[in-house]
Amino acid sequence: MVVALQGDHGKPRPALVVQANLFDELPTVTVLPLVSSQLVPAITRVDIAPSEANGLQAPSQIVVHRPSTIARAKVSRVIGRAEEETMLAVTRALAVFLGLA
């Protein structure tokens, strides 16, 4: 999905939803931002290659150490879905970042 996050000057950017569907009725949604510039190897970043399924246009990284909970009104559109392998890598990185592993 594409969102406008606080601190990014409202610049729309892709983000990955990490909130369970069980909470769809909440007025907010928790996301991880994606970056396509300044790609760096880090345990809290997950690489994601562009594909038809995810709708990305350039190699990117999911920034696991920057979760944000935002108003659903700040979500503009869904551009695609992350592949299962990417979601597994995000789950593992989140567990490490949150101290659950």
PDB file of N, CA and C in Angstrom:
ATOM      1  N   MET A   1       0.830  -1.168   0.000  1.00  0.00           N
ATOM      2  CA  MET A   1       0.000   0.000   0.000  1.00  0.00           C
ATOM      3  C   MET A   1       0.875   1.232   0.000  1.00  0.00           C
ATOM      4  N   VAL A   2       0.307   2.335  -0.337  1.00  0.00           N
ATOM      5  CA  VAL A   2       1.024   3.603  -0.333  1.00  0.00           C
ATOM      6  C   VAL A   2       0.459   4.447   0.797  1.00  0.00           C
ATOM      7  N   VAL A   3       1.360   5.000   1.630  1.00  0.00           N
ATOM      8  CA  VAL A   3       0.942   5.782   2.794  1.00  0.00           C
ATOM      9  C   VAL A   3       1.772   7.051   2.901  1.00  0.00           C
ATOM     10  N   ALA A   4       1.281   7.992   3.692  1.00  0.00           N
ATOM     11  CA  ALA A   4       2.050   9.188   4.038  1.00  0.00           C
ATOM     12  C   ALA A   4       2.377   9.075   5.519  1.00  0.00           C
ATOM     13  N   LEU A   5       3.663   8.948   5.835  1.00  0.00           N
ATOM     14  CA  LEU A   5       4.091   8.755   7.217  1.00  0.00           C
ATOM     15  C   LEU A   5       4.577  10.059   7.840  1.00  0.00           C
ATOM     16  N   GLN A   6       4.375  10.192   9.138  1.00  0.00           N
ATOM     17  CA  GLN A   6       4.885  11.337   9.897  1.00  0.00           C
ATOM     18  C   GLN A   6       6.401  11.383   9.774  1.00  0.00           C
ATOM     19  N   GLY A   7       6.966  12.560   9.606  1.00  0.00           N
ATOM     20  CA  GLY A   7       8.412  12.696   9.549  1.00  0.00           C
ATOM     21  C   GLY A   7       8.978  12.571   8.148  1.00  0.00           C
ATOM     22  N   ASP A   8       8.187  12.111   7.217  1.00  0.00           N
ATOM     23  CA  ASP A   8       8.628  12.016   5.828  1.00  0.00           C
ATOM     24  C   ASP A   8       8.044  13.161   5.011  1.00  0.00           C
ATOM     25  N   HIS A   9       7.664  14.226   5.688  1.00  0.00           N
ATOM     26  CA  HIS A   9       7.076  15.404   5.046  1.00  0.00           C
ATOM     27  C   HIS A   9       5.831  15.035   4.263  1.00  0.00           C
ATOM     28  N   GLY A  10       5.126  14.001   4.727  1.00  0.00           N
ATOM     29  CA  GLY A  10       3.903  13.585   4.065  1.00  0.00           C
ATOM     30  C   GLY A  10       4.125  12.956   2.699  1.00  0.00           C
ATOM     31  N   LYS A  11       5.396  12.670   2.352  1.00  0.00           N
ATOM     32  CA  LYS A  11       5.729  12.083   1.054  1.00  0.00           C
ATOM     33  C   LYS A  11       5.143  10.678   0.957  1.00  0.00           C
ATOM     34  N   PRO A  12       4.294  10.432  -0.009  1.00  0.00           N
ATOM     35  CA  PRO A  12       3.744   9.078  -0.156  1.00  0.00           C
ATOM     36  C   PRO A  12       4.851   8.075  -0.463  1.00  0.00           C
ATOM     37  N   ARG A  13       4.785   6.918   0.185  1.00  0.00           N
ATOM     38  CA  ARG A  13       5.777   5.868  -0.036  1.00  0.00           C
ATOM     39  C   ARG A  13       5.109   4.518   0.190  1.00  0.00           C
ATOM     40  N   PRO A  14       5.649   3.479  -0.438  1.00  0.00           N
ATOM     41  CA  PRO A  14       5.113   2.139  -0.184  1.00  0.00           C
ATOM     42  C   PRO A  14       5.362   1.732   1.269  1.00  0.00           C
ATOM     43  N   ALA A  15       4.459   0.928   1.796  1.00  0.00           N
ATOM     44  CA  ALA A  15       4.598   0.398   3.151  1.00  0.00           C
ATOM     45  C   ALA A  15       3.957  -0.988   3.202  1.00  0.00           C
ATOM     46  N   LEU A  16       4.422  -1.783   4.139  1.00  0.00           N
ATOM     47  CA  LEU A  16       3.907  -3.143   4.320  1.00  0.00           C
ATOM     48  C   LEU A  16       3.039  -3.183   5.570  1.00  0.00           C
ATOM     49  N   VAL A  17       1.816  -3.637   5.437  1.00  0.00           N
ATOM     50  CA  VAL A  17       0.925  -3.780   6.592  1.00  0.00           C
ATOM     51  C   VAL A  17       1.383  -4.986   7.399  1.00  0.00           C
ATOM     52  N   VAL A  18       1.528  -4.800   8.717  1.00  0.00           N
ATOM     53  CA  VAL A  18       1.930  -5.896   9.598  1.00  0.00           C
ATOM     54  C   VAL A  18       0.901  -6.120  10.699  1.00  0.00           C
ATOM     55  N   GLN A  19      -0.301  -5.742  10.432  1.00  0.00           N
ATOM     56  CA  GLN A  19      -1.392  -5.863  11.396  1.00  0.00           C
ATOM     57  C   GLN A  19      -2.315  -6.982  10.948  1.00  0.00           C
ATOM     58  N   ALA A  20      -2.742  -7.819  11.860  1.00  0.00           N
ATOM     59  CA  ALA A  20      -3.616  -8.941  11.534  1.00  0.00           C
ATOM     60  C   ALA A  20      -4.970  -8.450  11.028  1.00  0.00           C
ATOM     61  N   ASN A  21      -5.555  -9.204  10.107  1.00  0.00           N
ATOM     62  CA  ASN A  21      -6.867  -8.867   9.562  1.00  0.00           C
ATOM     63  C   ASN A  21      -7.943  -8.789  10.644  1.00  0.00           C
ATOM     64  N   LEU A  22      -7.714  -9.442  11.762  1.00  0.00           N
ATOM     65  CA  LEU A  22      -8.648  -9.417  12.884  1.00  0.00           C
ATOM     66  C   LEU A  22      -8.947  -7.985  13.344  1.00  0.00           C
ATOM     67  N   PHE A  23      -8.016  -7.071  13.069  1.00  0.00           N
ATOM     68  CA  PHE A  23      -8.149  -5.688  13.532  1.00  0.00           C
ATOM     69  C   PHE A  23      -8.544  -4.721  12.417  1.00  0.00           C
ATOM     70  N   ASP A  24      -9.163  -5.224  11.366  1.00  0.00           N
ATOM     71  CA  ASP A  24      -9.577  -4.393  10.236  1.00  0.00           C
ATOM     72  C   ASP A  24     -10.560  -3.288  10.609  1.00  0.00           C
ATOM     73  N   GLU A  25     -11.281  -3.450  11.680  1.00  0.00           N
ATOM     74  CA  GLU A  25     -12.288  -2.456  12.073  1.00  0.00           C
ATOM     75  C   GLU A  25     -11.685  -1.257  12.806  1.00  0.00           C
ATOM     76  N   LEU A  26     -10.417  -1.351  13.194  1.00  0.00           N
ATOM     77  CA  LEU A  26      -9.778  -0.225  13.874  1.00  0.00           C
ATOM     78  C   LEU A  26      -9.603   0.940  12.907  1.00  0.00           C
ATOM     79  N   PRO A  27      -9.611   2.170  13.409  1.00  0.00           N
ATOM     80  CA  PRO A  27      -9.416   3.332  12.542  1.00  0.00           C
ATOM     81  C   PRO A  27      -7.946   3.548  12.166  1.00  0.00           C
ATOM     82  N   THR A  28      -7.069   2.681  12.667  1.00  0.00           N
ATOM     83  CA  THR A  28      -5.639   2.792  12.394  1.00  0.00           C
ATOM     84  C   THR A  28      -5.113   1.486  11.808  1.00  0.00           C
ATOM     85  N   VAL A  29      -3.908   1.562  11.243  1.00  0.00           N
ATOM     86  CA  VAL A  29      -3.257   0.381  10.691  1.00  0.00           C
ATOM     87  C   VAL A  29      -1.753   0.514  10.975  1.00  0.00           C
ATOM     88  N   THR A  30      -1.097  -0.603  11.294  1.00  0.00           N
ATOM     89  CA  THR A  30       0.336  -0.598  11.593  1.00  0.00           C
ATOM     90  C   THR A  30       1.095  -1.079  10.355  1.00  0.00           C
ATOM     91  N   VAL A  31       2.096  -0.279   9.977  1.00  0.00           N
ATOM     92  CA  VAL A  31       2.839  -0.536   8.742  1.00  0.00           C
ATOM     93  C   VAL A  31       4.343  -0.411   8.975  1.00  0.00           C
ATOM     94  N   LEU A  32       5.111  -0.991   8.051  1.00  0.00           N
ATOM     95  CA  LEU A  32       6.559  -0.814   7.991  1.00  0.00           C
ATOM     96  C   LEU A  32       6.857  -0.098   6.675  1.00  0.00           C
ATOM     97  N   PRO A  33       7.618   0.993   6.708  1.00  0.00           N
ATOM     98  CA  PRO A  33       7.917   1.713   5.473  1.00  0.00           C
ATOM     99  C   PRO A  33       8.914   0.952   4.598  1.00  0.00           C
ATOM    100  N   LEU A  34       8.870   1.236   3.307  1.00  0.00           N
ATOM    101  CA  LEU A  34       9.843   0.713   2.354  1.00  0.00           C
ATOM    102  C   LEU A  34      10.699   1.864   1.852  1.00  0.00           C
ATOM    103  N   VAL A  35      11.955   1.562   1.592  1.00  0.00           N
ATOM    104  CA  VAL A  35      12.861   2.542   0.989  1.00  0.00           C
ATOM    105  C   VAL A  35      13.452   1.920  -0.275  1.00  0.00           C
ATOM    106  N   SER A  36      13.707   2.771  -1.267  1.00  0.00           N
ATOM    107  CA  SER A  36      14.324   2.272  -2.494  1.00  0.00           C
ATOM    108  C   SER A  36      15.638   3.004  -2.785  1.00  0.00           C
ATOM    109  N   SER A  37      15.973   3.948  -1.930  1.00  0.00           N
ATOM    110  CA  SER A  37      17.274   4.604  -2.028  1.00  0.00           C
ATOM    111  C   SER A  37      18.022   4.304  -0.734  1.00  0.00           C
ATOM    112  N   GLN A  38      19.303   4.420  -0.767  1.00  0.00           N
ATOM    113  CA  GLN A  38      20.132   4.142   0.408  1.00  0.00           C
ATOM    114  C   GLN A  38      19.893   2.737   0.959  1.00  0.00           C
ATOM    115  N   LEU A  39      19.944   1.751   0.070  1.00  0.00           N
ATOM    116  CA  LEU A  39      19.792   0.357   0.495  1.00  0.00           C
ATOM    117  C   LEU A  39      21.077  -0.069   1.201  1.00  0.00           C
ATOM    118  N   VAL A  40      20.931  -0.599   2.414  1.00  0.00           N
ATOM    119  CA  VAL A  40      22.085  -1.031   3.207  1.00  0.00           C
ATOM    120  C   VAL A  40      21.793  -2.387   3.832  1.00  0.00           C
ATOM    121  N   PRO A  41      22.800  -3.236   3.952  1.00  0.00           N
ATOM    122  CA  PRO A  41      22.579  -4.504   4.636  1.00  0.00           C
ATOM    123  C   PRO A  41      22.393  -4.256   6.131  1.00  0.00           C
ATOM    124  N   ALA A  42      21.333  -4.786   6.700  1.00  0.00           N
ATOM    125  CA  ALA A  42      21.068  -4.631   8.137  1.00  0.00           C
ATOM    126  C   ALA A  42      20.079  -5.697   8.577  1.00  0.00           C
ATOM    127  N   ILE A  43      20.210  -6.128   9.814  1.00  0.00           N
ATOM    128  CA  ILE A  43      19.321  -7.166  10.338  1.00  0.00           C
ATOM    129  C   ILE A  43      17.878  -6.664  10.440  1.00  0.00           C
ATOM    130  N   THR A  44      17.704  -5.341  10.481  1.00  0.00           N
ATOM    131  CA  THR A  44      16.360  -4.778  10.592  1.00  0.00           C
ATOM    132  C   THR A  44      15.828  -4.263   9.257  1.00  0.00           C
ATOM    133  N   ARG A  45      16.423  -4.731   8.157  1.00  0.00           N
ATOM    134  CA  ARG A  45      15.935  -4.400   6.818  1.00  0.00           C
ATOM    135  C   ARG A  45      15.797  -5.689   6.013  1.00  0.00           C
ATOM    136  N   VAL A  46      14.697  -5.803   5.313  1.00  0.00           N
ATOM    137  CA  VAL A  46      14.435  -6.990   4.504  1.00  0.00           C
ATOM    138  C   VAL A  46      14.376  -6.559   3.038  1.00  0.00           C
ATOM    139  N   ASP A  47      15.227  -7.166   2.210  1.00  0.00           N
ATOM    140  CA  ASP A  47      15.236  -6.863   0.782  1.00  0.00           C
ATOM    141  C   ASP A  47      13.964  -7.383   0.127  1.00  0.00           C
ATOM    142  N   ILE A  48      13.463  -6.597  -0.827  1.00  0.00           N
ATOM    143  CA  ILE A  48      12.298  -7.021  -1.604  1.00  0.00           C
ATOM    144  C   ILE A  48      12.493  -6.541  -3.038  1.00  0.00           C
ATOM    145  N   ALA A  49      12.498  -7.501  -3.957  1.00  0.00           N
ATOM    146  CA  ALA A  49      12.690  -7.195  -5.376  1.00  0.00           C
ATOM    147  C   ALA A  49      11.342  -6.846  -6.000  1.00  0.00           C
ATOM    148  N   PRO A  50      11.345  -5.969  -6.990  1.00  0.00           N
ATOM    149  CA  PRO A  50      10.084  -5.635  -7.651  1.00  0.00           C
ATOM    150  C   PRO A  50       9.507  -6.849  -8.380  1.00  0.00           C
ATOM    151  N   SER A  51       8.184  -6.963  -8.334  1.00  0.00           N
ATOM    152  CA  SER A  51       7.502  -8.043  -9.046  1.00  0.00           C
ATOM    153  C   SER A  51       6.094  -7.575  -9.385  1.00  0.00           C
ATOM    154  N   GLU A  52       5.471  -8.315 -10.268  1.00  0.00           N
ATOM    155  CA  GLU A  52       4.083  -7.998 -10.619  1.00  0.00           C
ATOM    156  C   GLU A  52       3.186  -8.146  -9.391  1.00  0.00           C
ATOM    157  N   ALA A  53       3.472  -9.133  -8.544  1.00  0.00           N
ATOM    158  CA  ALA A  53       2.643  -9.386  -7.367  1.00  0.00           C
ATOM    159  C   ALA A  53       2.716  -8.259  -6.338  1.00  0.00           C
ATOM    160  N   ASN A  54       3.932  -7.703  -6.118  1.00  0.00           N
ATOM    161  CA  ASN A  54       4.040  -6.684  -5.067  1.00  0.00           C
ATOM    162  C   ASN A  54       3.901  -5.256  -5.594  1.00  0.00           C
ATOM    163  N   GLY A  55       3.926  -5.067  -6.893  1.00  0.00           N
ATOM    164  CA  GLY A  55       3.687  -3.754  -7.471  1.00  0.00           C
ATOM    165  C   GLY A  55       4.819  -2.751  -7.342  1.00  0.00           C
ATOM    166  N   LEU A  56       5.970  -3.175  -6.846  1.00  0.00           N
ATOM    167  CA  LEU A  56       7.099  -2.256  -6.696  1.00  0.00           C
ATOM    168  C   LEU A  56       7.768  -2.026  -8.043  1.00  0.00           C
ATOM    169  N   GLN A  57       8.379  -0.860  -8.205  1.00  0.00           N
ATOM    170  CA  GLN A  57       9.043  -0.492  -9.448  1.00  0.00           C
ATOM    171  C   GLN A  57      10.563  -0.613  -9.357  1.00  0.00           C
ATOM    172  N   ALA A  58      11.104  -0.691  -8.128  1.00  0.00           N
ATOM    173  CA  ALA A  58      12.560  -0.723  -7.949  1.00  0.00           C
ATOM    174  C   ALA A  58      12.900  -1.625  -6.771  1.00  0.00           C
ATOM    175  N   PRO A  59      14.131  -2.177  -6.747  1.00  0.00           N
ATOM    176  CA  PRO A  59      14.565  -2.931  -5.566  1.00  0.00           C
ATOM    177  C   PRO A  59      14.409  -2.044  -4.325  1.00  0.00           C
ATOM    178  N   SER A  60      13.913  -2.632  -3.265  1.00  0.00           N
ATOM    179  CA  SER A  60      13.605  -1.869  -2.052  1.00  0.00           C
ATOM    180  C   SER A  60      13.971  -2.669  -0.817  1.00  0.00           C
ATOM    181  N   GLN A  61      13.817  -2.017   0.322  1.00  0.00           N
ATOM    182  CA  GLN A  61      13.973  -2.695   1.608  1.00  0.00           C
ATOM    183  C   GLN A  61      12.807  -2.314   2.510  1.00  0.00           C
ATOM    184  N   ILE A  62      12.341  -3.304   3.260  1.00  0.00           N
ATOM    185  CA  ILE A  62      11.319  -3.077   4.278  1.00  0.00           C
ATOM    186  C   ILE A  62      12.067  -2.723   5.551  1.00  0.00           C
ATOM    187  N   VAL A  63      11.763  -1.571   6.122  1.00  0.00           N
ATOM    188  CA  VAL A  63      12.498  -1.065   7.286  1.00  0.00           C
ATOM    189  C   VAL A  63      11.761  -1.509   8.555  1.00  0.00           C
ATOM    190  N   VAL A  64      12.189  -2.645   9.084  1.00  0.00           N
ATOM    191  CA  VAL A  64      11.519  -3.287  10.215  1.00  0.00           C
ATOM    192  C   VAL A  64      11.630  -2.461  11.493  1.00  0.00           C
ATOM    193  N   HIS A  65      12.693  -1.678  11.654  1.00  0.00           N
ATOM    194  CA  HIS A  65      12.884  -0.923  12.897  1.00  0.00           C
ATOM    195  C   HIS A  65      12.104   0.400  12.921  1.00  0.00           C
ATOM    196  N   ARG A  66      11.223   0.622  11.929  1.00  0.00           N
ATOM    197  CA  ARG A  66      10.432   1.857  11.898  1.00  0.00           C
ATOM    198  C   ARG A  66       8.934   1.591  11.777  1.00  0.00           C
ATOM    199  N   PRO A  67       8.357   0.747  12.653  1.00  0.00           N
ATOM    200  CA  PRO A  67       6.907   0.539  12.552  1.00  0.00           C
ATOM    201  C   PRO A  67       6.166   1.830  12.884  1.00  0.00           C
ATOM    202  N   SER A  68       5.062   2.036  12.199  1.00  0.00           N
ATOM    203  CA  SER A  68       4.219   3.211  12.452  1.00  0.00           C
ATOM    204  C   SER A  68       2.766   2.774  12.465  1.00  0.00           C
ATOM    205  N   THR A  69       2.008   3.320  13.373  1.00  0.00           N
ATOM    206  CA  THR A  69       0.567   3.119  13.378  1.00  0.00           C
ATOM    207  C   THR A  69      -0.050   4.426  12.918  1.00  0.00           C
ATOM    208  N   ILE A  70      -0.776   4.345  11.823  1.00  0.00           N
ATOM    209  CA  ILE A  70      -1.295   5.553  11.190  1.00  0.00           C
ATOM    210  C   ILE A  70      -2.809   5.450  10.993  1.00  0.00           C
ATOM    211  N   ALA A  71      -3.437   6.584  10.794  1.00  0.00           N
ATOM    212  CA  ALA A  71      -4.870   6.607  10.480  1.00  0.00           C
ATOM    213  C   ALA A  71      -5.078   5.978   9.106  1.00  0.00           C
ATOM    214  N   ARG A  72      -6.113   5.189   8.989  1.00  0.00           N
ATOM    215  CA  ARG A  72      -6.415   4.566   7.699  1.00  0.00           C
ATOM    216  C   ARG A  72      -6.626   5.622   6.607  1.00  0.00           C
ATOM    217  N   ALA A  73      -7.009   6.822   7.001  1.00  0.00           N
ATOM    218  CA  ALA A  73      -7.211   7.905   6.042  1.00  0.00           C
ATOM    219  C   ALA A  73      -5.904   8.288   5.337  1.00  0.00           C
ATOM    220  N   LYS A  74      -4.761   7.938   5.927  1.00  0.00           N
ATOM    221  CA  LYS A  74      -3.463   8.257   5.315  1.00  0.00           C
ATOM    222  C   LYS A  74      -3.037   7.204   4.296  1.00  0.00           C
ATOM    223  N   VAL A  75      -3.838   6.171   4.139  1.00  0.00           N
ATOM    224  CA  VAL A  75      -3.554   5.114   3.160  1.00  0.00           C
ATOM    225  C   VAL A  75      -4.233   5.492   1.862  1.00  0.00           C
ATOM    226  N   SER A  76      -3.446   5.564   0.781  1.00  0.00           N
ATOM    227  CA  SER A  76      -4.057   5.980  -0.475  1.00  0.00           C
ATOM    228  C   SER A  76      -4.516   4.803  -1.337  1.00  0.00           C
ATOM    229  N   ARG A  77      -3.687   3.768  -1.459  1.00  0.00           N
ATOM    230  CA  ARG A  77      -4.098   2.637  -2.295  1.00  0.00           C
ATOM    231  C   ARG A  77      -3.217   1.416  -2.018  1.00  0.00           C
ATOM    232  N   VAL A  78      -3.731   0.265  -2.355  1.00  0.00           N
ATOM    233  CA  VAL A  78      -2.969  -0.977  -2.272  1.00  0.00           C
ATOM    234  C   VAL A  78      -2.292  -1.175  -3.619  1.00  0.00           C
ATOM    235  N   ILE A  79      -0.978  -1.458  -3.586  1.00  0.00           N
ATOM    236  CA  ILE A  79      -0.256  -1.652  -4.847  1.00  0.00           C
ATOM    237  C   ILE A  79       0.094  -3.115  -5.097  1.00  0.00           C
ATOM    238  N   GLY A  80      -0.014  -3.972  -4.076  1.00  0.00           N
ATOM    239  CA  GLY A  80       0.306  -5.381  -4.260  1.00  0.00           C
ATOM    240  C   GLY A  80       0.446  -6.092  -2.932  1.00  0.00           C
ATOM    241  N   ARG A  81       0.993  -7.296  -3.003  1.00  0.00           N
ATOM    242  CA  ARG A  81       1.183  -8.135  -1.820  1.00  0.00           C
ATOM    243  C   ARG A  81       2.604  -8.672  -1.801  1.00  0.00           C
ATOM    244  N   ALA A  82       3.172  -8.747  -0.608  1.00  0.00           N
ATOM    245  CA  ALA A  82       4.504  -9.338  -0.450  1.00  0.00           C
ATOM    246  C   ALA A  82       4.383 -10.857  -0.545  1.00  0.00           C
ATOM    247  N   GLU A  83       5.388 -11.464  -1.133  1.00  0.00           N
ATOM    248  CA  GLU A  83       5.423 -12.903  -1.276  1.00  0.00           C
ATOM    249  C   GLU A  83       5.616 -13.558   0.097  1.00  0.00           C
ATOM    250  N   GLU A  84       5.259 -14.830   0.191  1.00  0.00           N
ATOM    251  CA  GLU A  84       5.340 -15.579   1.452  1.00  0.00           C
ATOM    252  C   GLU A  84       6.762 -15.583   2.018  1.00  0.00           C
ATOM    253  N   GLU A  85       7.756 -15.754   1.161  1.00  0.00           N
ATOM    254  CA  GLU A  85       9.150 -15.778   1.611  1.00  0.00           C
ATOM    255  C   GLU A  85       9.545 -14.432   2.241  1.00  0.00           C
ATOM    256  N   THR A  86       9.088 -13.344   1.649  1.00  0.00           N
ATOM    257  CA  THR A  86       9.371 -12.009   2.192  1.00  0.00           C
ATOM    258  C   THR A  86       8.694 -11.842   3.541  1.00  0.00           C
ATOM    259  N   MET A  87       7.445 -12.293   3.644  1.00  0.00           N
ATOM    260  CA  MET A  87       6.718 -12.153   4.915  1.00  0.00           C
ATOM    261  C   MET A  87       7.386 -12.964   6.027  1.00  0.00           C
ATOM    262  N   LEU A  88       7.935 -14.121   5.700  1.00  0.00           N
ATOM    263  CA  LEU A  88       8.657 -14.924   6.688  1.00  0.00           C
ATOM    264  C   LEU A  88       9.898 -14.176   7.165  1.00  0.00           C
ATOM    265  N   ALA A  89      10.629 -13.562   6.242  1.00  0.00           N
ATOM    266  CA  ALA A  89      11.824 -12.787   6.610  1.00  0.00           C
ATOM    267  C   ALA A  89      11.437 -11.585   7.482  1.00  0.00           C
ATOM    268  N   VAL A  90      10.323 -10.924   7.169  1.00  0.00           N
ATOM    269  CA  VAL A  90       9.842  -9.794   7.974  1.00  0.00           C
ATOM    270  C   VAL A  90       9.452 -10.271   9.370  1.00  0.00           C
ATOM    271  N   THR A  91       8.758 -11.387   9.456  1.00  0.00           N
ATOM    272  CA  THR A  91       8.349 -11.939  10.751  1.00  0.00           C
ATOM    273  C   THR A  91       9.563 -12.232  11.622  1.00  0.00           C
ATOM    274  N   ARG A  92      10.588 -12.819  11.044  1.00  0.00           N
ATOM    275  CA  ARG A  92      11.814 -13.127  11.785  1.00  0.00           C
ATOM    276  C   ARG A  92      12.520 -11.854  12.227  1.00  0.00           C
ATOM    277  N   ALA A  93      12.621 -10.878  11.329  1.00  0.00           N
ATOM    278  CA  ALA A  93      13.292  -9.607  11.676  1.00  0.00           C
ATOM    279  C   ALA A  93      12.512  -8.867  12.761  1.00  0.00           C
ATOM    280  N   LEU A  94      11.187  -8.894  12.692  1.00  0.00           N
ATOM    281  CA  LEU A  94      10.365  -8.251  13.732  1.00  0.00           C
ATOM    282  C   LEU A  94      10.564  -8.929  15.083  1.00  0.00           C
ATOM    283  N   ALA A  95      10.621 -10.252  15.076  1.00  0.00           N
ATOM    284  CA  ALA A  95      10.826 -10.991  16.332  1.00  0.00           C
ATOM    285  C   ALA A  95      12.149 -10.594  16.972  1.00  0.00           C
ATOM    286  N   VAL A  96      13.204 -10.466  16.170  1.00  0.00           N
ATOM    287  CA  VAL A  96      14.506 -10.052  16.689  1.00  0.00           C
ATOM    288  C   VAL A  96      14.434  -8.605  17.210  1.00  0.00           C
ATOM    289  N   PHE A  97      13.861  -7.710  16.393  1.00  0.00           N
ATOM    290  CA  PHE A  97      13.782  -6.292  16.765  1.00  0.00           C
ATOM    291  C   PHE A  97      12.966  -6.083  18.041  1.00  0.00           C
ATOM    292  N   LEU A  98      11.883  -6.818  18.200  1.00  0.00           N
ATOM    293  CA  LEU A  98      11.017  -6.656  19.369  1.00  0.00           C
ATOM    294  C   LEU A  98      11.493  -7.466  20.577  1.00  0.00           C
ATOM    295  N   GLY A  99      12.572  -8.229  20.400  1.00  0.00           N
ATOM    296  CA  GLY A  99      13.100  -9.020  21.507  1.00  0.00           C
ATOM    297  C   GLY A  99      12.291 -10.260  21.812  1.00  0.00           C
ATOM    298  N   LEU A 100      11.599 -10.778  20.813  1.00  0.00           N
ATOM    299  CA  LEU A 100      10.760 -11.962  20.997  1.00  0.00           C
ATOM    300  C   LEU A 100      11.489 -13.239  20.597  1.00  0.00           C
ATOM    301  N   ALA A 101      12.700 -13.081  20.071  1.00  0.00           N
ATOM    302  CA  ALA A 101      13.456 -14.262  19.641  1.00  0.00           C
ATOM    303  C   ALA A 101      14.828 -14.259  20.284  1.00  0.00           C
TER     304      ALA A 101
END
